Amino acid sequence: MKRSESEQERLIKQYAEKAKEEQGEIVALLAYGLGIVLNDLDDDPREYLIDMAWLPASHLDELGLSEGHARSTEARSTEDGSWAGIAYLRGRRSLIINVEAFYLEAHRQLLPFFLAQSMQDTVIEEVREARPACPVHGHPLNPAATPSGSLWQCPEGPGVWSCAMGSYHEASN
């Protein structure tokens, strides 16, 4: 069934609210991982660049979202335990992030890396500048996954410049 955009938005809000009520721990984990990334991608906290609706991925087909409504990070998964983040950049639906269940089960410390990798290019396209920018060169920093957690690092190598995700503004000053 093809749904109107307003119907899709109503259902997205409904499913996201239900997810908060019924699976609040997982939604809080996803929101926490996203918050770490947004701390570094959003240069002006007053701007309110990104809003995210988290819902079980099993609802995506039911919503009838097409590629024209938002870019998707990878093939959609409806595997039990997988989640979808519907990202709104400056109020416009822009991206659907698919979070596989194994990130929530076995790789929680890498969730910020995965979210940054999924959304950094979309944010850069929206704001038309490097985010976060390498303090040495000005180009975008790359998200990196390490055994100790998620980092931002200069594309020329971690020895040039790097910092833990969530600490970019403090580390770059």
Protein backbone atom coordinates (compact mmCIF):
# COMPACT_ATOMS: atom_id res chain seq x y z
CA MET A 1 0.00 0.00 0.00
CA LYS A 2 1.37 3.40 -1.00
CA ARG A 3 1.10 5.87 1.86
CA SER A 4 1.09 9.66 1.69
CA GLU A 5 4.04 11.45 3.21
CA SER A 6 1.87 12.82 6.03
CA GLU A 7 0.63 9.28 6.81
CA GLN A 8 4.22 8.03 6.81
CA GLU A 9 5.25 10.78 9.21
CA ARG A 10 2.33 10.01 11.53
CA LEU A 11 3.29 6.32 11.59
CA ILE A 12 6.99 7.09 12.11
CA LYS A 13 6.13 9.17 15.18
CA GLN A 14 3.74 6.50 16.43
CA TYR A 15 6.26 3.67 16.00
CA ALA A 16 9.08 5.72 17.53
CA GLU A 17 6.97 6.56 20.60
CA LYS A 18 5.92 2.93 20.98
CA ALA A 19 9.58 1.85 20.71
CA LYS A 20 10.53 4.29 23.50
CA GLU A 21 7.79 2.87 25.71
CA GLU A 22 8.36 -0.81 25.00
CA GLN A 23 12.10 -0.95 24.32
CA GLY A 24 13.37 2.16 26.07
CA GLU A 25 16.75 0.67 26.95
CA ILE A 26 17.62 0.05 23.30
CA VAL A 27 16.29 3.45 22.17
CA ALA A 28 18.36 5.09 24.92
CA LEU A 29 21.48 3.21 23.78
CA LEU A 30 20.93 4.32 20.17
CA ALA A 31 20.26 7.91 21.27
CA TYR A 32 23.39 7.89 23.45
CA GLY A 33 25.56 6.67 20.53
CA LEU A 34 24.02 9.29 18.27
CA GLY A 35 24.57 12.01 20.88
CA ILE A 36 28.30 11.25 20.95
CA VAL A 37 28.49 11.68 17.18
CA LEU A 38 26.28 14.78 17.07
CA ASN A 39 28.45 16.45 19.67
CA ASP A 40 31.16 16.49 16.99
CA LEU A 41 29.10 16.91 13.79
CA ASP A 42 26.94 19.79 15.00
CA ASP A 43 29.09 22.92 15.28
CA ASP A 44 26.30 25.12 16.61
CA PRO A 45 24.08 23.49 19.25
CA ARG A 46 21.50 26.28 18.76
CA GLU A 47 21.12 25.26 15.11
CA TYR A 48 19.46 21.89 15.91
CA LEU A 49 20.76 20.22 12.79
CA ILE A 50 19.64 16.61 13.28
CA ASP A 51 16.64 14.88 14.80
CA MET A 52 16.28 11.09 14.74
CA ALA A 53 13.32 8.73 15.08
CA TRP A 54 14.34 5.21 16.17
CA LEU A 55 12.07 2.27 15.40
CA PRO A 56 12.37 -1.46 14.88
CA ALA A 57 13.47 -2.13 11.30
CA SER A 58 10.52 -4.48 10.87
CA HIS A 59 8.30 -1.38 10.41
CA LEU A 60 10.16 -0.02 7.35
CA ASP A 61 8.31 -2.09 4.77
CA GLU A 62 5.00 -1.22 6.39
CA LEU A 63 5.81 2.50 6.12
CA GLY A 64 6.32 2.22 2.37
CA LEU A 65 9.40 4.45 2.35
CA SER A 66 11.11 4.63 -1.02
CA GLU A 67 14.64 5.71 -1.90
CA GLY A 68 13.16 8.99 -3.11
CA HIS A 69 12.07 9.88 0.41
CA ALA A 70 15.46 9.41 2.04
CA ARG A 71 18.82 7.89 1.25
CA SER A 72 19.46 4.57 2.94
CA THR A 73 22.83 3.57 4.37
CA GLU A 74 22.71 -0.07 3.24
CA ALA A 75 20.35 -2.85 2.33
CA ARG A 76 17.46 -2.78 4.74
CA SER A 77 17.32 -5.48 7.34
CA THR A 78 14.17 -6.68 8.98
CA GLU A 79 16.13 -9.19 11.10
CA ASP A 80 14.79 -9.48 14.62
CA GLY A 81 16.55 -6.96 16.80
CA SER A 82 17.61 -4.67 13.95
CA TRP A 83 16.71 -0.99 14.16
CA ALA A 84 16.17 1.89 11.76
CA GLY A 85 16.99 5.50 12.47
CA ILE A 86 15.10 7.96 10.34
CA ALA A 87 17.21 11.12 10.30
CA TYR A 88 15.76 14.56 9.76
CA LEU A 89 18.30 17.20 8.82
CA ARG A 90 16.95 20.69 9.44
CA GLY A 91 13.48 19.20 9.61
CA ARG A 92 13.66 17.29 6.30
CA ARG A 93 13.72 13.49 6.16
CA SER A 94 17.16 12.83 4.70
CA LEU A 95 18.55 9.46 5.68
CA ILE A 96 17.56 6.04 6.95
CA ILE A 97 20.27 4.37 9.02
CA ASN A 98 20.01 0.61 9.39
CA VAL A 99 21.53 -0.71 12.63
CA GLU A 100 21.97 -4.48 12.58
CA ALA A 101 21.20 -6.37 15.77
CA PHE A 102 24.85 -7.43 16.24
CA TYR A 103 25.91 -3.79 16.79
CA LEU A 104 23.55 -3.64 19.74
CA GLU A 105 24.45 -7.07 21.07
CA ALA A 106 28.19 -7.54 20.59
CA HIS A 107 29.66 -4.22 19.39
CA ARG A 108 28.06 -1.51 21.51
CA GLN A 109 31.36 0.34 21.94
CA LEU A 110 31.51 0.73 18.14
CA LEU A 111 27.99 2.12 17.75
CA PRO A 112 29.24 5.76 17.53
CA PHE A 113 31.66 4.69 14.76
CA PHE A 114 28.88 3.01 12.82
CA LEU A 115 26.51 5.97 13.19
CA ALA A 116 29.21 8.47 12.22
CA GLN A 117 30.16 6.42 9.19
CA SER A 118 26.49 6.22 8.21
CA MET A 119 25.64 9.91 8.46
CA GLN A 120 28.78 12.05 8.10
CA ASP A 121 28.57 12.47 4.31
CA THR A 122 24.89 13.46 4.48
CA VAL A 123 25.67 16.09 7.13
CA ILE A 124 28.58 17.45 5.08
CA GLU A 125 26.34 17.72 2.01
CA GLU A 126 23.72 19.55 4.07
CA VAL A 127 26.04 22.10 5.70
CA ARG A 128 28.52 22.31 2.78
CA GLU A 129 31.61 22.15 4.97
CA ALA A 130 33.83 19.52 6.56
CA ARG A 131 32.35 18.14 9.79
CA PRO A 132 34.27 17.50 11.87
CA ALA A 133 37.17 19.26 10.18
CA CYS A 134 40.76 18.16 10.67
CA PRO A 135 42.44 20.90 12.74
CA VAL A 136 45.66 20.35 10.77
CA HIS A 137 44.35 20.26 7.17
CA GLY A 138 40.69 21.32 7.18
CA HIS A 139 39.38 18.22 5.39
CA PRO A 140 36.78 15.94 7.03
CA LEU A 141 38.10 13.56 9.65
CA ASN A 142 37.43 9.86 9.09
CA PRO A 143 35.47 7.77 11.58
CA ALA A 144 37.64 4.91 12.84
CA ALA A 145 36.93 1.82 14.92
CA THR A 146 39.60 0.66 17.36
CA PRO A 147 39.63 -1.96 20.12
CA SER A 148 39.33 0.91 22.62
CA GLY A 149 36.36 2.59 20.90
CA SER A 150 35.36 5.03 18.21
CA LEU A 151 37.70 7.77 16.98
CA TRP A 152 37.92 10.60 14.49
CA GLN A 153 41.23 10.60 12.66
CA CYS A 154 42.98 12.53 9.91
CA PRO A 155 42.75 10.68 6.57
CA GLU A 156 46.54 10.98 6.38
CA GLY A 157 46.87 8.71 9.42
CA PRO A 158 46.08 8.46 13.12
CA GLY A 159 49.54 9.78 13.98
CA VAL A 160 48.73 13.11 12.29
CA TRP A 161 45.63 13.91 14.37
CA SER A 162 42.92 11.91 16.13
CA CYS A 163 40.53 12.11 19.07
CA ALA A 164 37.84 10.03 20.71
CA MET A 165 34.38 10.59 19.28
CA GLY A 166 32.47 12.98 21.45
CA SER A 167 35.56 15.00 22.37
CA TYR A 168 36.33 16.75 19.07
CA HIS A 169 35.58 20.32 20.20
CA GLU A 170 37.72 20.00 23.32
CA ALA A 171 40.56 18.22 21.51
CA SER A 172 40.69 20.57 18.51
CA ASN A 173 41.08 23.76 20.58
